[in-house]
């Protein structure tokens, strides 16, 4: 599982660039499987990628185009996918997004996530043994009708709440 530390993320987007290039040979946020959410008003940069959750909402694909691989990674079969978007709607944190008629989601780069060594701040950590240990039930309740970007922002705000509260407390003295 990919773990993210918002307190360390500088918002450089090197994770996005390396992810997109590894998977497509091109650079562009749309083809990245990790997305850095930037909330300028409060100074938060937070990378969002598949948490390889316990619930595995994405595997409820009616075409069986999404499966779980041997390392706990999400595996998408573009030949089985009919671009229905159910996986995108079911992911509670916006980690799956349809691009070029295919669901883009972190597949752990086959066991060696390219984003991890490229993060100059060590804000991204790969823990293979942690796959399936995180529950995202609390996020599911709050809006399947949101866009993937809105889900990512909601997730980032929730995940960074403690960090922001600590920063405000220190600032107040």
Foldseek 3Di string as FASTA:
>chain_A
DKAFDFVQDPQPCLLQQQQQCLVPVDGDNLSHLKHWQADPVLGTTTIDADLLAQVPQLCVDPQSQWDADPLSFIHGNQVSQPLPCSSCLQPLQLSWDADPSTTRHDRCSVVPRPSQVRRPRNRIDDDSVCRHVHHPVVSRVPDSPDGSSVSNVVVRCVVCVVVSVVVVVVVVD
